[in-house]
Protein backbone atom coordinates (compact mmCIF):
# COMPACT_ATOMS: atom_id res chain seq x y z
CA MET A 1 -215.73 47.92 -11.75
CA PRO A 2 -218.86 46.90 -12.92
CA HIS A 3 -221.44 48.10 -10.64
CA VAL A 4 -221.75 44.80 -8.43
CA LEU A 5 -225.33 44.18 -6.42
CA THR A 6 -223.55 41.84 -3.80
CA VAL A 7 -226.13 38.69 -3.49
CA ASP A 8 -225.12 36.31 -0.88
CA HIS A 9 -227.33 33.23 -1.40
CA PRO A 10 -228.75 29.71 0.14
CA PRO A 11 -227.34 25.96 0.66
CA GLY A 12 -231.01 24.59 0.47
CA PRO A 13 -231.44 21.39 1.68
CA PRO A 14 -227.92 19.98 1.35
CA HIS A 15 -228.73 16.79 -0.01
CA ARG A 16 -224.88 15.38 1.37
CA PRO A 17 -223.52 12.29 0.66
CA SER A 18 -224.24 9.57 3.20
CA LEU A 19 -222.30 9.80 6.24
CA PRO A 20 -222.63 7.21 9.16
CA GLY A 21 -223.75 8.70 12.74
CA LEU A 22 -227.29 10.06 13.22
CA ARG A 23 -226.05 13.69 14.12
CA VAL A 24 -225.78 14.00 9.92
CA LEU A 25 -228.91 12.39 9.37
CA VAL A 26 -230.41 15.21 11.56
CA LEU A 27 -228.69 17.71 10.23
CA ALA A 28 -230.01 16.83 6.83
CA LEU A 29 -233.09 16.94 7.68
CA LEU A 30 -233.02 19.86 9.27
CA ALA A 31 -231.24 21.58 6.06
CA ALA A 32 -233.74 20.33 4.36
CA LEU A 33 -236.25 22.72 5.80
CA LEU A 34 -233.96 25.22 6.44
CA LEU A 35 -232.50 26.92 3.57
CA ALA A 36 -230.36 29.97 3.57
CA VAL A 37 -230.43 33.43 1.09
CA GLY A 38 -228.85 36.63 2.32
CA VAL A 39 -229.44 39.84 0.31
CA THR A 40 -226.32 42.55 1.53
CA PRO A 41 -227.54 46.13 1.45
CA ALA A 42 -227.45 46.62 -2.20
CA HIS A 43 -230.40 48.62 -3.09
CA ALA A 44 -231.50 50.43 0.19
CA ALA A 45 -229.75 53.62 1.37
CA PRO A 46 -228.51 53.87 4.85
CA GLY A 47 -230.51 56.06 7.25
CA PRO A 48 -234.47 56.57 8.53
CA GLY A 49 -237.33 57.37 5.35
CA VAL A 50 -237.62 55.87 2.66
CA ARG A 51 -234.96 54.20 0.92
CA ALA A 52 -233.91 54.89 -3.35
CA LEU A 53 -232.75 52.60 -5.35
CA ARG A 54 -228.99 52.44 -6.45
CA PRO A 55 -228.48 53.68 -9.85
CA GLY A 56 -227.53 50.34 -10.83
CA VAL A 57 -227.70 49.25 -14.62
CA PRO A 58 -230.42 46.93 -15.37
CA GLY A 59 -229.54 43.46 -17.32
CA THR A 60 -230.43 39.89 -18.42
CA ALA A 61 -231.18 37.28 -15.86
CA LEU A 62 -229.63 33.86 -17.11
CA GLY A 63 -229.70 30.48 -14.82
CA TRP A 64 -228.03 27.52 -15.21
CA GLY A 65 -227.91 23.92 -12.93
CA ARG A 66 -231.24 22.05 -11.60
CA GLY A 67 -234.32 23.05 -13.39
CA ASN A 68 -237.07 19.93 -12.60
CA ASN A 69 -239.13 22.74 -10.85
CA GLY A 70 -238.83 25.79 -13.27
CA GLN A 71 -236.42 27.66 -11.41
CA LEU A 72 -233.84 28.19 -14.18
CA GLY A 73 -237.29 30.06 -15.78
CA ASP A 74 -236.35 29.45 -19.44
CA GLY A 75 -239.63 27.96 -19.91
CA THR A 76 -238.16 24.02 -19.16
CA THR A 77 -238.34 21.58 -16.12
CA ILE A 78 -235.00 20.59 -17.63
CA ALA A 79 -233.13 18.17 -15.36
CA ASN A 80 -230.03 20.39 -15.49
CA ARG A 81 -228.46 23.00 -17.46
CA THR A 82 -224.23 22.65 -17.55
CA THR A 83 -223.47 26.31 -18.78
CA PRO A 84 -225.88 29.57 -18.74
CA ASP A 85 -229.28 29.78 -20.38
CA ARG A 86 -231.52 33.32 -20.50
CA VAL A 87 -234.58 33.02 -18.31
CA CYS A 88 -238.09 33.75 -20.61
CA GLY A 89 -239.43 37.27 -20.21
CA GLY A 90 -242.62 35.58 -20.22
CA ALA A 91 -244.93 32.85 -21.32
CA PRO A 92 -244.65 32.27 -24.07
CA CYS A 93 -241.14 32.27 -23.93
CA THR A 94 -240.17 34.86 -27.05
CA GLY A 95 -237.42 36.71 -25.65
CA PRO A 96 -234.89 37.30 -22.08
CA LEU A 97 -236.22 39.15 -19.38
CA GLN A 98 -234.43 42.35 -18.67
CA ASP A 99 -234.52 45.29 -16.70
CA VAL A 100 -233.07 42.75 -13.96
CA ILE A 101 -231.27 44.51 -11.06
CA SER A 102 -231.18 42.43 -8.76
CA LEU A 103 -232.26 38.37 -8.39
CA SER A 104 -232.03 36.04 -5.88
CA SER A 105 -232.47 32.01 -5.74
CA GLY A 106 -233.94 29.87 -2.82
CA ASP A 107 -234.22 26.51 -2.82
CA LEU A 108 -236.50 26.17 -6.27
CA HIS A 109 -237.77 28.47 -7.02
CA THR A 110 -235.92 32.53 -7.84
CA LEU A 111 -237.13 35.93 -7.56
CA ALA A 112 -236.32 38.92 -9.95
CA LEU A 113 -235.93 42.23 -8.71
CA ARG A 114 -236.99 44.96 -11.79
CA SER A 115 -235.81 48.37 -12.03
CA ASP A 116 -239.41 49.75 -11.24
CA GLY A 117 -239.68 48.28 -7.85
CA THR A 118 -241.61 45.10 -8.86
CA VAL A 119 -240.82 41.47 -8.47
CA LEU A 120 -241.14 38.64 -10.59
CA ALA A 121 -240.90 35.17 -9.07
CA TRP A 122 -240.36 31.69 -11.19
CA GLY A 123 -240.02 27.78 -9.82
CA ASN A 124 -241.51 25.85 -7.00
CA ASN A 125 -244.25 27.22 -6.05
CA ALA A 126 -245.75 24.21 -3.04
CA SER A 127 -246.07 26.82 -0.04
CA GLY A 128 -246.63 29.87 -1.93
CA GLN A 129 -243.18 31.02 -2.38
CA LEU A 130 -243.74 32.54 -5.77
CA GLY A 131 -246.57 34.66 -4.08
CA ASN A 132 -248.84 35.03 -6.92
CA GLY A 133 -251.94 33.94 -5.35
CA THR A 134 -251.99 30.04 -6.27
CA TYR A 135 -249.77 26.50 -5.51
CA THR A 136 -248.92 25.86 -9.22
CA ASP A 137 -245.38 25.59 -10.24
CA GLN A 138 -244.28 28.65 -12.91
CA ALA A 139 -241.03 27.67 -15.29
CA THR A 140 -241.14 31.48 -16.54
CA PRO A 141 -240.94 34.35 -14.74
CA THR A 142 -244.95 35.82 -12.66
CA PRO A 143 -245.31 38.95 -10.96
CA VAL A 144 -245.87 38.64 -7.16
CA CYS A 145 -249.09 40.06 -6.13
CA ALA A 146 -249.53 43.01 -3.58
CA ALA A 147 -250.65 42.33 -0.23
CA GLY A 148 -254.18 41.61 0.48
CA GLN A 149 -254.82 39.91 -3.10
CA SER A 150 -256.11 36.79 -4.68
CA ALA A 151 -255.58 35.01 -7.45
CA PRO A 152 -256.07 36.40 -10.05
CA CYS A 153 -254.50 39.42 -8.55
CA SER A 154 -255.21 43.02 -10.28
CA ALA A 155 -252.09 44.76 -8.38
CA PHE A 156 -248.96 43.71 -7.74
CA LEU A 157 -246.02 44.66 -5.33
CA SER A 158 -244.21 47.83 -5.83
CA GLY A 159 -241.53 49.79 -3.83
CA VAL A 160 -239.45 47.25 -3.83
CA VAL A 161 -235.71 47.83 -3.18
CA ALA A 162 -234.12 44.19 -2.48
CA VAL A 163 -235.16 40.78 -2.35
CA ALA A 164 -234.24 37.37 -0.72
CA ALA A 165 -235.61 33.72 -1.21
CA GLY A 166 -235.84 31.06 1.01
CA TYR A 167 -236.34 27.68 1.33
CA SER A 168 -240.38 27.55 0.18
CA TYR A 169 -240.31 30.97 1.35
CA SER A 170 -239.60 34.58 0.10
CA LEU A 171 -238.81 38.31 1.64
CA ALA A 172 -238.94 41.76 0.25
CA LEU A 173 -237.22 45.17 1.25
CA LEU A 174 -239.60 48.10 0.73
CA ALA A 175 -238.58 51.60 -0.15
CA ASP A 176 -240.36 52.79 3.48
CA GLY A 177 -237.90 50.35 4.67
CA THR A 178 -240.99 47.69 5.99
CA VAL A 179 -240.36 44.44 4.90
CA ALA A 180 -243.22 41.84 2.95
CA ALA A 181 -242.97 38.07 3.25
CA TRP A 182 -244.63 35.22 1.80
CA GLY A 183 -244.78 31.36 1.12
CA SER A 184 -243.94 28.68 4.14
CA ASN A 185 -244.32 29.61 7.56
CA ALA A 186 -243.69 26.34 9.69
CA PHE A 187 -241.22 28.16 11.76
CA GLY A 188 -242.26 31.72 11.91
CA GLN A 189 -240.11 32.57 9.27
CA LEU A 190 -242.74 35.11 7.56
CA GLY A 191 -242.31 36.90 11.12
CA ASP A 192 -246.31 37.76 10.99
CA GLY A 193 -246.86 36.24 14.56
CA THR A 194 -248.38 33.25 12.95
CA THR A 195 -247.29 30.16 11.63
CA SER A 196 -249.60 30.48 8.88
CA SER A 197 -248.42 29.94 5.37
CA ARG A 198 -249.52 32.96 2.94
CA ASN A 199 -249.23 32.93 -0.79
CA THR A 200 -249.49 36.92 -1.03
CA PRO A 201 -247.27 38.55 0.75
CA VAL A 202 -247.69 40.71 4.91
CA THR A 203 -246.06 42.28 6.55
CA THR A 204 -243.18 41.51 8.90
CA CYS A 205 -243.50 42.60 12.15
CA ARG A 206 -241.62 42.90 15.34
CA TYR A 207 -241.47 42.87 19.44
CA SER A 208 -244.44 40.31 19.43
CA CYS A 209 -246.37 42.15 16.51
CA THR A 210 -246.66 45.09 18.47
CA SER A 211 -245.46 47.54 15.74
CA ALA A 212 -243.87 46.50 11.67
CA LEU A 213 -240.23 45.73 11.58
CA SER A 214 -238.86 49.17 10.00
CA ASN A 215 -235.95 50.89 9.21
CA VAL A 216 -234.34 48.09 7.32
CA VAL A 217 -231.47 48.91 5.04
CA ALA A 218 -230.68 45.10 4.49
CA ILE A 219 -232.91 41.59 4.57
CA THR A 220 -231.37 37.79 4.46
CA ALA A 221 -233.67 34.47 4.32
CA GLY A 222 -232.25 31.67 6.03
CA GLY A 223 -232.90 29.30 8.68
CA GLY A 224 -233.25 32.40 10.61
CA ASN A 225 -233.84 35.81 8.75
CA LEU A 226 -232.03 38.50 9.54
CA ALA A 227 -232.72 42.51 9.38
CA LEU A 228 -230.24 45.08 8.96
CA LEU A 229 -231.52 48.28 10.92
CA SER A 230 -230.26 51.82 9.71
CA SER A 231 -228.71 51.82 13.09
CA GLY A 232 -226.10 49.19 13.26
CA PHE A 233 -228.32 46.83 14.98
CA VAL A 234 -229.90 43.75 13.76
CA PHE A 235 -233.28 42.21 14.60
CA SER A 236 -234.15 38.02 13.89
CA TRP A 237 -236.91 35.20 13.11
CA GLY A 238 -237.75 32.10 11.95
CA ALA A 239 -236.02 28.93 12.65
CA ASN A 240 -233.82 28.61 15.56
CA GLU A 241 -233.38 24.77 16.10
CA ARG A 242 -229.42 25.49 16.46
CA GLY A 243 -229.15 28.76 18.19
CA GLU A 244 -229.27 30.80 14.37
CA LEU A 245 -231.17 33.80 15.84
CA GLY A 246 -228.49 34.51 17.63
CA ASN A 247 -230.89 35.42 20.72
CA GLY A 248 -228.72 33.17 23.18
CA THR A 249 -231.72 30.49 22.80
CA THR A 250 -233.12 27.80 20.41
CA THR A 251 -236.66 28.41 20.05
CA ASN A 252 -238.28 29.82 16.77
CA SER A 253 -239.49 33.37 16.84
CA THR A 254 -242.29 34.63 14.42
CA SER A 255 -241.60 37.95 14.83
CA ALA A 256 -238.46 40.25 14.44
CA GLU A 257 -236.25 39.77 17.98
CA PRO A 258 -232.99 41.50 18.33
CA VAL A 259 -229.63 39.44 18.04
CA CYS A 260 -227.33 39.39 21.22
CA ALA A 261 -224.17 41.28 21.13
CA ASP A 262 -222.31 38.12 22.39
CA GLN A 263 -222.82 35.26 25.01
CA ALA A 264 -223.94 36.93 27.50
CA CYS A 265 -226.75 38.48 26.15
CA ASN A 266 -226.76 41.32 27.98
CA ALA A 267 -226.99 44.10 25.24
CA SER A 268 -227.78 43.67 21.08
CA LEU A 269 -225.16 43.60 18.61
CA THR A 270 -224.58 46.90 17.00
CA GLY A 271 -222.31 48.35 14.18
CA ILE A 272 -222.73 46.14 11.97
CA THR A 273 -222.84 46.73 7.90
CA ALA A 274 -223.74 43.69 6.56
CA VAL A 275 -225.18 40.36 7.10
CA SER A 276 -226.20 36.66 5.88
CA ALA A 277 -228.11 33.60 6.96
CA GLY A 278 -227.12 30.25 5.88
CA GLY A 279 -229.33 27.19 6.75
CA GLY A 280 -228.45 27.06 9.91
CA HIS A 281 -225.81 29.91 10.82
CA SER A 282 -225.76 33.26 10.48
CA MET A 283 -223.02 35.82 9.86
CA ALA A 284 -223.05 39.77 9.96
CA LEU A 285 -219.98 42.05 8.59
CA ARG A 286 -219.17 44.77 11.83
CA SER A 287 -218.03 48.18 10.59
CA ASP A 288 -214.24 47.62 11.72
CA SER A 289 -214.34 45.01 8.50
CA SER A 290 -214.01 41.77 11.47
CA VAL A 291 -216.91 39.25 11.28
CA VAL A 292 -219.16 37.56 14.31
CA ALA A 293 -220.79 34.12 13.59
CA TRP A 294 -223.71 32.17 15.47
CA GLY A 295 -225.51 29.05 14.71
CA LEU A 296 -225.51 25.70 14.18
CA ASN A 297 -221.13 24.72 14.05
CA ALA A 298 -221.43 20.88 13.37
CA ASP A 299 -218.50 21.15 10.11
CA GLY A 300 -216.86 24.72 11.66
CA GLU A 301 -219.42 26.93 9.97
CA VAL A 302 -219.11 29.68 12.43
CA GLY A 303 -215.55 29.66 11.56
CA ASP A 304 -214.42 30.29 15.65
CA GLY A 305 -211.93 26.93 15.84
CA THR A 306 -214.80 24.32 17.49
CA THR A 307 -217.24 22.60 16.29
CA THR A 308 -219.78 23.92 18.71
CA ASP A 309 -223.19 25.51 18.12
CA ARG A 310 -223.29 29.30 19.41
CA TYR A 311 -226.73 30.87 20.02
CA ALA A 312 -225.16 34.36 19.96
CA PRO A 313 -222.17 36.03 17.92
CA VAL A 314 -218.60 34.80 18.72
CA ARG A 315 -215.61 36.20 16.70
CA VAL A 316 -214.82 34.26 13.21
CA CYS A 317 -211.21 33.23 13.64
CA ALA A 318 -208.24 34.54 11.43
CA VAL A 319 -206.67 32.22 8.74
CA GLY A 320 -204.30 29.86 9.95
CA GLN A 321 -205.31 29.94 13.70
CA SER A 322 -206.63 27.29 16.03
CA ALA A 323 -209.03 27.66 19.08
CA PRO A 324 -208.64 29.17 20.88
CA CYS A 325 -207.57 31.98 18.61
CA THR A 326 -205.97 34.85 19.01
CA GLN A 327 -206.62 36.86 15.79
CA GLY A 328 -209.81 37.57 14.16
CA LEU A 329 -211.19 37.77 10.36
CA THR A 330 -210.38 41.89 9.61
CA GLY A 331 -210.83 43.04 5.83
CA ILE A 332 -213.56 41.87 5.38
CA ALA A 333 -215.42 43.76 2.83
CA ALA A 334 -218.81 41.03 2.32
CA LEU A 335 -220.12 37.84 3.07
CA GLY A 336 -221.77 35.58 1.18
CA THR A 337 -223.20 32.33 3.65
CA GLY A 338 -224.65 28.81 2.43
CA ALA A 339 -224.00 25.54 3.50
CA LEU A 340 -220.71 26.37 4.15
CA SER A 341 -219.11 30.05 5.19
CA ALA A 342 -217.53 32.67 3.04
CA ALA A 343 -216.29 36.61 2.67
CA VAL A 344 -214.68 38.73 0.00
CA THR A 345 -211.99 40.62 1.50
CA THR A 346 -211.18 44.28 0.67
CA THR A 347 -208.36 43.63 -1.62
CA GLY A 348 -210.45 40.76 -3.95
CA ALA A 349 -209.32 37.28 -2.04
CA VAL A 350 -212.18 35.10 -0.79
CA ARG A 351 -211.90 33.13 2.29
CA THR A 352 -214.18 30.05 3.05
CA TRP A 353 -214.58 27.90 6.01
CA GLY A 354 -217.26 25.16 7.13
CA TYR A 355 -218.27 21.88 5.19
CA ASN A 356 -216.26 20.69 2.77
CA PHE A 357 -217.03 17.22 1.44
CA LEU A 358 -217.77 18.26 -2.06
CA GLY A 359 -214.79 21.04 -2.42
CA GLN A 360 -217.27 23.69 -1.86
CA LEU A 361 -214.92 25.76 0.13
CA GLY A 362 -212.53 25.64 -2.99
CA ASP A 363 -209.03 25.01 -1.64
CA GLY A 364 -208.27 22.23 -3.48
CA THR A 365 -209.52 19.87 -0.79
CA THR A 366 -212.74 18.14 0.54
CA THR A 367 -211.68 18.50 4.27
CA ASN A 368 -213.99 20.71 6.13
CA ARG A 369 -212.34 23.79 8.21
CA THR A 370 -213.13 25.22 11.13
CA THR A 371 -211.69 28.52 10.28
CA PRO A 372 -210.93 30.63 7.49
CA VAL A 373 -209.04 28.94 4.36
CA ILE A 374 -207.88 30.95 1.46
CA VAL A 375 -209.62 29.68 -1.84
CA CYS A 376 -207.41 28.65 -4.99
CA ALA A 377 -207.18 30.88 -8.09
CA VAL A 378 -208.35 29.33 -11.15
CA GLY A 379 -206.64 26.36 -12.32
CA GLU A 380 -204.57 25.27 -9.14
CA SER A 381 -204.91 22.36 -7.37
CA ALA A 382 -203.88 21.60 -3.97
CA PRO A 383 -202.09 22.56 -2.26
CA CYS A 384 -202.24 25.94 -3.95
CA THR A 385 -199.46 28.71 -4.40
CA ARG A 386 -202.31 31.80 -5.81
CA GLY A 387 -205.05 32.41 -4.23
CA LEU A 388 -208.35 33.78 -6.53
CA THR A 389 -208.73 38.10 -6.64
CA GLY A 390 -210.38 39.80 -7.98
CA VAL A 391 -213.71 39.83 -6.31
CA SER A 392 -216.26 41.48 -5.88
CA ALA A 393 -218.84 39.10 -4.77
CA VAL A 394 -219.35 35.45 -3.47
CA THR A 395 -222.65 33.57 -3.37
CA SER A 396 -223.11 29.40 -2.40
CA GLY A 397 -225.39 27.05 -2.86
CA THR A 398 -226.41 23.55 -1.01
CA GLY A 399 -222.39 22.18 -2.28
CA HIS A 400 -220.76 24.72 -4.51
CA ALA A 401 -219.65 28.45 -4.93
CA VAL A 402 -219.55 30.74 -7.10
CA ALA A 403 -217.16 34.12 -7.40
CA LEU A 404 -218.04 37.52 -9.12
CA ARG A 405 -215.22 38.88 -10.34
CA SER A 406 -214.75 42.81 -10.81
CA ASP A 407 -214.18 42.61 -14.74
CA GLY A 408 -218.02 40.90 -14.86
CA GLY A 409 -216.49 37.40 -15.07
CA VAL A 410 -217.76 34.55 -12.68
CA VAL A 411 -216.05 31.59 -11.54
CA GLY A 412 -217.32 28.65 -9.75
CA TRP A 413 -216.48 25.57 -7.14
CA GLY A 414 -217.67 22.47 -5.93
CA TRP A 415 -220.84 20.71 -6.39
CA ASN A 416 -221.52 19.99 -10.00
CA THR A 417 -224.12 16.98 -10.20
CA ASN A 418 -226.09 19.10 -11.96
CA GLY A 419 -224.26 21.23 -14.02
CA GLN A 420 -224.66 24.28 -11.04
CA VAL A 421 -221.02 25.42 -11.47
CA GLY A 422 -221.51 26.56 -15.07
CA ASP A 423 -218.46 24.96 -17.10
CA GLY A 424 -219.97 22.87 -19.11
CA THR A 425 -219.36 19.48 -17.03
CA THR A 426 -221.54 17.73 -14.09
CA THR A 427 -217.42 17.18 -12.70
CA GLN A 428 -216.64 17.97 -9.07
CA ARG A 429 -214.67 20.72 -8.93
CA ASN A 430 -212.21 21.83 -5.45
CA THR A 431 -211.33 24.52 -7.42
CA PRO A 432 -212.51 27.44 -9.53
CA VAL A 433 -213.07 26.88 -12.54
CA ARG A 434 -214.58 29.90 -15.42
CA VAL A 435 -218.18 29.78 -15.44
CA CYS A 436 -218.98 29.62 -19.82
CA ALA A 437 -220.89 31.93 -22.07
CA VAL A 438 -224.52 31.82 -22.97
CA GLY A 439 -224.60 29.06 -26.02
CA GLU A 440 -221.15 27.45 -25.09
CA SER A 441 -220.48 23.68 -24.77
CA ALA A 442 -217.09 22.21 -22.88
CA PRO A 443 -214.89 22.61 -23.03
CA CYS A 444 -216.22 25.94 -23.64
CA GLY A 445 -213.92 28.68 -26.34
CA ARG A 446 -216.10 31.51 -24.17
CA PHE A 447 -216.90 32.76 -20.79
CA LEU A 448 -219.22 34.60 -18.98
CA GLU A 449 -218.92 38.48 -18.97
CA GLY A 450 -220.98 41.63 -17.64
CA ALA A 451 -222.00 40.15 -14.86
CA THR A 452 -223.03 42.16 -12.29
CA VAL A 453 -225.23 39.76 -9.69
CA ILE A 454 -224.76 36.12 -8.93
CA SER A 455 -226.90 34.00 -6.66
CA GLY A 456 -226.66 30.38 -5.87
CA GLY A 457 -229.78 27.72 -4.85
CA THR A 458 -230.12 24.80 -4.38
CA GLU A 459 -228.04 22.90 -7.18
CA PHE A 460 -228.74 25.46 -9.57
CA THR A 461 -227.21 29.34 -10.34
CA THR A 462 -228.62 32.52 -11.83
CA ALA A 463 -227.17 35.80 -12.46
CA VAL A 464 -227.50 39.65 -14.21
CA VAL A 465 -225.52 40.15 -16.98
CA ARG A 466 -225.12 43.65 -18.77
CA PRO A 467 -223.05 43.07 -21.84
CA LEU A 468 -221.08 46.32 -23.30
CA ALA A 469 -219.57 46.40 -26.72
CA ASP A 470 -217.95 49.53 -28.24
CA LEU A 471 -217.76 48.21 -31.94
CA ALA A 472 -215.46 50.72 -34.75
CA VAL A 473 -214.89 50.74 -38.23
CA ALA A 474 -212.58 52.01 -40.27
CA ILE A 475 -211.92 51.91 -43.97
CA SER A 476 -209.05 52.00 -45.94
CA ALA A 477 -208.26 52.02 -49.91
CA SER A 478 -205.74 51.27 -52.33
CA PRO A 479 -204.29 52.78 -54.62
CA GLU A 480 -205.18 56.21 -53.88
CA PRO A 481 -205.82 57.87 -55.81
CA VAL A 482 -207.40 54.56 -58.13
CA VAL A 483 -207.32 54.66 -61.71
CA ASN A 484 -210.78 54.62 -63.40
CA GLY A 485 -211.63 51.36 -64.41
CA ALA A 486 -208.86 49.63 -62.30
CA ASN A 487 -209.54 47.01 -59.14
CA LEU A 488 -209.84 49.52 -55.74
CA THR A 489 -209.46 47.40 -52.69
CA TYR A 490 -211.05 48.86 -49.18
CA THR A 491 -209.75 47.31 -46.41
CA VAL A 492 -212.63 47.52 -43.38
CA THR A 493 -211.63 46.60 -40.34
CA VAL A 494 -214.32 46.25 -37.58
CA ARG A 495 -212.86 46.73 -33.64
CA ASN A 496 -214.76 45.86 -30.08
CA SER A 497 -212.90 47.83 -27.74
CA GLY A 498 -215.30 46.09 -25.01
CA PRO A 499 -216.00 45.75 -21.89
CA THR A 500 -217.43 42.63 -23.06
CA SER A 501 -217.58 40.65 -26.30
CA ALA A 502 -219.70 42.02 -29.30
CA GLU A 503 -222.42 39.74 -30.19
CA GLY A 504 -223.79 39.41 -33.66
CA VAL A 505 -221.68 41.35 -35.13
CA THR A 506 -222.46 42.30 -38.84
CA LEU A 507 -220.79 44.29 -41.64
CA THR A 508 -222.77 46.07 -44.04
CA ASP A 509 -221.36 48.31 -47.15
CA THR A 510 -223.28 48.98 -50.06
CA VAL A 511 -220.79 49.24 -53.41
CA PRO A 512 -221.02 52.66 -54.44
CA ALA A 513 -223.03 54.06 -57.29
CA ASN A 514 -220.00 54.63 -59.71
CA GLY A 515 -218.25 51.36 -58.84
CA ARG A 516 -218.92 47.65 -59.22
CA PHE A 517 -218.47 44.98 -56.94
CA VAL A 518 -215.52 42.46 -58.11
CA SER A 519 -215.17 40.36 -54.44
CA ALA A 520 -215.14 40.43 -50.64
CA ALA A 521 -213.98 37.80 -48.35
CA ALA A 522 -214.02 38.08 -44.69
CA SER A 523 -211.02 36.93 -42.02
CA LYS A 524 -214.22 35.92 -39.28
CA GLY A 525 -217.34 35.03 -40.67
CA SER A 526 -218.82 34.90 -44.19
CA CYS A 527 -220.42 37.42 -46.46
CA VAL A 528 -223.00 37.38 -49.06
CA THR A 529 -222.42 38.78 -51.74
CA PRO A 530 -224.36 40.58 -54.75
CA PRO A 531 -223.46 39.63 -58.10
CA VAL A 532 -219.90 40.27 -59.83
CA GLY A 533 -220.45 43.65 -61.65
CA SER A 534 -223.32 45.21 -59.50
CA THR A 535 -223.48 47.71 -57.36
CA ASP A 536 -225.96 45.47 -54.36
CA SER A 537 -224.67 45.67 -50.82
CA VAL A 538 -221.73 43.29 -48.98
CA LYS A 539 -223.07 41.43 -45.71
CA CYS A 540 -220.87 39.72 -43.86
CA THR A 541 -221.85 38.06 -40.89
CA ILE A 542 -219.01 38.15 -38.02
CA GLY A 543 -220.76 36.68 -35.30
CA VAL A 544 -219.03 37.49 -31.69
CA LEU A 545 -216.06 39.56 -31.91
CA ALA A 546 -214.17 39.78 -28.56
CA SER A 547 -213.45 42.68 -26.69
CA GLY A 548 -209.86 44.15 -27.88
CA THR A 549 -210.24 42.10 -31.18
CA THR A 550 -210.89 43.19 -34.97
CA ALA A 551 -212.14 41.37 -37.49
CA THR A 552 -211.80 42.51 -41.46
CA VAL A 553 -213.33 42.42 -44.72
CA THR A 554 -211.54 42.95 -47.76
CA LEU A 555 -213.72 44.51 -50.56
CA VAL A 556 -212.44 45.10 -53.95
CA VAL A 557 -214.62 47.10 -56.30
CA ARG A 558 -213.82 48.50 -59.90
CA PRO A 559 -214.96 52.10 -60.52
CA VAL A 560 -216.79 53.35 -63.97
CA SER A 561 -216.92 56.84 -63.47
CA THR A 562 -217.06 58.90 -66.85
CA GLY A 563 -216.12 62.26 -65.80
CA GLY A 564 -213.31 61.55 -63.29
CA GLY A 565 -214.11 63.18 -59.81
CA SER A 566 -213.95 60.26 -57.12
CA ILE A 567 -215.74 57.62 -55.43
CA THR A 568 -217.17 57.13 -51.72
CA ASP A 569 -217.43 54.23 -49.78
CA THR A 570 -219.60 53.48 -46.55
CA ALA A 571 -219.69 50.93 -44.29
CA ARG A 572 -221.78 50.31 -40.97
CA ALA A 573 -221.03 47.65 -37.98
CA THR A 574 -224.35 46.59 -35.94
CA GLY A 575 -224.39 44.11 -33.19
CA THR A 576 -227.50 42.61 -30.71
CA THR A 577 -224.76 43.44 -27.50
CA PRO A 578 -225.91 46.92 -26.55
CA ASP A 579 -223.23 49.58 -27.89
CA PRO A 580 -223.59 52.59 -25.84
CA ASP A 581 -221.46 54.88 -28.90
CA THR A 582 -223.00 54.15 -31.79
CA ASP A 583 -221.19 56.72 -33.65
CA ASN A 584 -218.02 55.09 -34.90
CA ASN A 585 -220.23 52.20 -35.76
CA THR A 586 -219.87 54.11 -39.11
CA ALA A 587 -216.95 54.71 -41.22
CA THR A 588 -216.98 56.52 -45.06
CA ILE A 589 -213.95 57.40 -47.41
CA THR A 590 -213.65 58.65 -50.43
CA THR A 591 -210.84 58.41 -53.21
CA PRO A 592 -210.06 60.41 -56.10
CA LEU A 593 -210.03 58.81 -59.48
CA ARG A 594 -208.04 59.26 -62.61
């Protein structure tokens, strides 16, 4: 299983299709203000004191879907991109953004955490959510300023171990267990005791700002922000119109306060291992692998079998239950809240519930669900007979969801107007489809591999990929021995042992000094050859070599030795995909002459 940084992300403003009734209008307007994004304890080690980055493997950032505000980070404001493309490493865009260990996408902006603990941001900046001291949109990554800075900043935020992008604001978890926040603050979502927006970071406080929020191991940004403490308690702050703070009220909070344990609200919620916030509702994973939820429940987002808003945590029902439920959802390993609710089981299956007008529950229907249902397998249609398996993380946006598989592949489903599902189309998908590889177009022949992180924004998706290939070269010769002056045929085989496809594969073979070139042919790609009778190099461009596959080059030379002996050939394969073992990229063979 690849190193997975589990990230659950926002619905953003739902932009739901027109439906009758004042309630829908009010909910749509509310959701347009309250975007959710969350980060489970991906980087922060539990326990008090300094948090340390887990040894995650840095990778390259990708984006697809809606890009009109630069939120794809590719240097453009393209209306939509239906397959993944690389985020720029800077401006001008001369190379991809690398060294990224996690990212989080909000409504119209994205945050990227680098291995050195610094943060980059791009996209919409109308409320200062990029944290660079300005209010100017950025189509390529820009560094987030340090607290107390103003543009142009001379110092930048560092020591960050997790990030969470919300609707027009951002959160960062620092290594000392405190939280930094910046951007829009109309509902107190920065948690600094005010409702003043900030274009550089401030510190989130607790208990009416009598002290800084501390001992935090995970953060999640949504209508109501959540922070998981090392003690297993949960604090919340920000918007609370539908009870998403879980404190028994519907009053916004400008500082962090404890979440109630239950509807009675006589004690604080504890024993929690992960948290996830949606546009108007929240979820928490308990240490016994069960799930509790609270907040907006108009379409069954809380999962208790009803459509009644809950101002404090209630148990999420098991699959197949109806209110009043007698069994709760258990065996859960990860959460992924957005406009819908999603959970990954300990066996790698996915459960979803809530709003489903756009097929975002992935069960093959567009029927809202007040209790969890099984997400269908790729290629299934309702009624599905097989469920999606092999999943390690799930994320959701406005009306779509994306799942990261344990093999590094990615699948998506739901609303696809801007290509946010990533299958090369803009067709709504009610069951999962595979996300295409970079550079592909529908119908895609290759699919995304090597993903370690996924994040769903409003009508767009981002990911971190760390492709790895293992190229190996082998040579055989015929005949052996060979008569001097007769043709000698080399069969050079290039194999990729993966785990992902190798891109930009090239094989170079230099004709031996005591041989003369006759011909060369490749089973895949093409070769640039020297003139017949010369001793120059043969260079064959193979291109993409999928994991577990081979390509061969047949090279014919004519030995011209005057003193017998032998003839030696060497071939080397290279590629643009990282290859941790280059010792087997070169092969040599010596053939006796007679």
